[in-house]
Amino acid sequence: MVGVSRGGKKFGNMVLRELTKRGYRVSVVHPQAAEIDGVRCYPSVSALPEEVGGLVLVVPPEQTETVVREAAARGMRRIWMQQGSESPAAIEYCRENGIEVVHGECILMFAQPTGFHRFHRWIWRLLGKLPVSVREGMGP
């Protein structure tokens, strides 16, 4: 996961806490932190353990393409660009390079959703609005 702050108040931190609470094994990329919210941090995408096969991005759009290219160079084939992190160039790069990409969606609605997100997901499923990757079981 890229986009978590040491201060703990950004949306990325909330996503980290929710994913770990829901049982997901999460690795965090942060260039200065050794650990955030009890989760080990790595200085770069290329430093992540080999078994990490995808990324959740909660970064400004102007940083997204750089992170996606680093992930691709490392062999990652799954990217989730949280709402607000999307970059048209990064999305196009993913598509051109065979990387599964989900964008424009809140990961909390799809990663074993609870509360409001669970209800929202049910409505979207009912209306046929779930992203294709989630409908086909390729979501988080």
Protein backbone atom coordinates (compact mmCIF):
# COMPACT_ATOMS: atom_id res chain seq x y z
CA MET A 1 0.00 0.00 0.00
CA VAL A 2 1.31 3.44 -0.92
CA GLY A 3 -0.11 6.62 0.60
CA VAL A 4 -0.01 6.16 4.36
CA SER A 5 1.34 8.95 6.56
CA ARG A 6 3.29 8.79 9.81
CA GLY A 7 0.82 11.23 11.35
CA GLY A 8 -2.03 8.76 11.00
CA LYS A 9 -4.71 11.22 9.94
CA LYS A 10 -4.85 10.74 6.18
CA PHE A 11 -7.37 8.62 4.31
CA GLY A 12 -4.61 6.13 3.50
CA ASN A 13 -4.19 5.49 7.23
CA MET A 14 -7.89 4.74 7.58
CA VAL A 15 -7.68 2.31 4.66
CA LEU A 16 -4.65 0.63 6.28
CA ARG A 17 -6.45 0.23 9.61
CA GLU A 18 -9.61 -1.11 7.96
CA LEU A 19 -7.77 -3.60 5.74
CA THR A 20 -5.72 -4.98 8.64
CA LYS A 21 -8.83 -5.14 10.85
CA ARG A 22 -10.55 -7.17 8.11
CA GLY A 23 -7.70 -9.68 8.04
CA TYR A 24 -5.74 -8.55 4.99
CA ARG A 25 -1.95 -8.82 5.12
CA VAL A 26 -0.76 -5.36 4.21
CA SER A 27 2.72 -4.04 3.50
CA VAL A 28 3.26 -0.29 3.49
CA VAL A 29 5.63 1.76 1.35
CA HIS A 30 6.95 4.81 3.19
CA PRO A 31 10.43 6.21 2.54
CA GLN A 32 11.09 7.33 6.14
CA ALA A 33 8.99 5.15 8.48
CA ALA A 34 9.96 1.73 9.79
CA GLU A 35 6.43 0.98 11.01
CA ILE A 36 2.99 2.61 10.90
CA ASP A 37 0.07 1.36 12.99
CA GLY A 38 2.00 -1.82 13.75
CA VAL A 39 2.62 -2.58 10.07
CA ARG A 40 6.17 -2.81 8.74
CA CYS A 41 7.12 -0.21 6.15
CA TYR A 42 9.43 -0.55 3.18
CA PRO A 43 11.32 2.38 1.66
CA SER A 44 10.11 1.75 -1.91
CA VAL A 45 7.92 -0.49 -4.03
CA SER A 46 11.00 -2.35 -5.23
CA ALA A 47 11.91 -3.17 -1.60
CA LEU A 48 8.59 -4.94 -0.90
CA PRO A 49 8.69 -8.70 -0.24
CA GLU A 50 8.46 -10.89 -3.33
CA GLU A 51 5.03 -12.29 -2.39
CA VAL A 52 3.42 -8.84 -2.63
CA GLY A 53 1.72 -8.97 -6.01
CA GLY A 54 -0.34 -5.80 -6.09
CA LEU A 55 -0.72 -2.30 -4.74
CA VAL A 56 -3.39 -0.06 -3.32
CA LEU A 57 -2.55 3.55 -4.17
CA VAL A 58 -3.85 6.41 -2.05
CA VAL A 59 -1.54 9.10 -3.41
CA PRO A 60 -2.07 12.34 -5.35
CA PRO A 61 -2.68 11.67 -9.07
CA GLU A 62 0.59 13.34 -10.06
CA GLN A 63 2.48 10.58 -8.16
CA THR A 64 0.43 7.65 -9.42
CA GLU A 65 2.14 6.98 -12.75
CA THR A 66 5.60 6.92 -11.15
CA VAL A 67 4.43 4.39 -8.54
CA VAL A 68 2.68 2.28 -11.19
CA ARG A 69 5.83 2.15 -13.33
CA GLU A 70 7.90 1.10 -10.30
CA ALA A 71 5.34 -1.63 -9.53
CA ALA A 72 5.40 -2.85 -13.14
CA ALA A 73 9.20 -2.98 -13.12
CA ARG A 74 8.94 -5.20 -10.06
CA GLY A 75 6.47 -7.49 -11.84
CA MET A 76 3.27 -6.47 -10.06
CA ARG A 77 0.15 -7.08 -12.10
CA ARG A 78 -2.65 -5.71 -9.87
CA ILE A 79 -3.18 -2.03 -9.01
CA TRP A 80 -6.05 -0.40 -7.15
CA MET A 81 -6.11 3.39 -7.56
CA GLN A 82 -8.28 4.74 -4.76
CA GLN A 83 -10.76 7.44 -5.76
CA GLY A 84 -8.81 10.65 -6.22
CA SER A 85 -5.55 8.85 -7.03
CA GLU A 86 -6.37 8.15 -10.65
CA SER A 87 -4.11 9.38 -13.40
CA PRO A 88 -5.20 8.92 -17.03
CA ALA A 89 -1.58 8.24 -17.99
CA ALA A 90 -1.20 5.63 -15.22
CA ILE A 91 -4.46 3.92 -16.20
CA GLU A 92 -3.37 3.79 -19.83
CA TYR A 93 0.06 2.46 -18.83
CA CYS A 94 -1.61 -0.34 -16.85
CA ARG A 95 -3.84 -1.29 -19.76
CA GLU A 96 -0.98 -1.24 -22.26
CA ASN A 97 1.17 -3.43 -20.00
CA GLY A 98 -1.34 -6.08 -18.97
CA ILE A 99 -1.78 -4.82 -15.42
CA GLU A 100 -5.22 -5.32 -13.85
CA VAL A 101 -6.34 -1.88 -12.71
CA VAL A 102 -9.32 -0.75 -10.66
CA HIS A 103 -9.84 2.98 -10.39
CA GLY A 104 -12.51 5.42 -9.35
CA GLU A 105 -13.75 3.08 -6.62
CA CYS A 106 -13.37 3.01 -2.84
CA ILE A 107 -11.54 -0.13 -1.76
CA LEU A 108 -13.45 -0.13 1.52
CA MET A 109 -16.61 -0.91 -0.40
CA PHE A 110 -15.09 -4.08 -1.84
CA ALA A 111 -12.64 -5.44 0.75
CA GLN A 112 -15.07 -7.45 2.91
CA PRO A 113 -17.30 -4.41 3.29
CA THR A 114 -19.00 -3.59 6.57
CA GLY A 115 -21.58 -1.03 7.63
CA PHE A 116 -22.42 1.60 5.03
CA HIS A 117 -19.94 0.18 2.52
CA ARG A 118 -21.64 -3.22 2.67
CA PHE A 119 -25.05 -1.69 1.94
CA HIS A 120 -23.57 0.48 -0.84
CA ARG A 121 -21.97 -2.59 -2.45
CA TRP A 122 -25.31 -4.44 -2.35
CA ILE A 123 -27.01 -1.53 -4.13
CA TRP A 124 -24.27 -1.40 -6.78
CA ARG A 125 -24.47 -5.16 -7.31
CA LEU A 126 -28.24 -4.85 -7.69
CA LEU A 127 -27.82 -2.06 -10.27
CA GLY A 128 -24.96 -3.83 -12.11
CA LYS A 129 -22.45 -1.10 -11.24
CA LEU A 130 -19.73 -3.16 -9.56
CA PRO A 131 -16.35 -2.91 -11.33
CA VAL A 132 -15.76 -5.86 -13.65
CA SER A 133 -12.77 -7.09 -11.63
CA VAL A 134 -14.89 -7.24 -8.48
CA ARG A 135 -17.80 -8.97 -10.23
CA GLU A 136 -15.38 -11.58 -11.57
CA GLY A 137 -13.79 -12.20 -8.17
CA MET A 138 -10.52 -10.41 -8.87
CA GLY A 139 -11.05 -7.64 -6.33
CA PRO A 140 -9.03 -7.18 -3.17
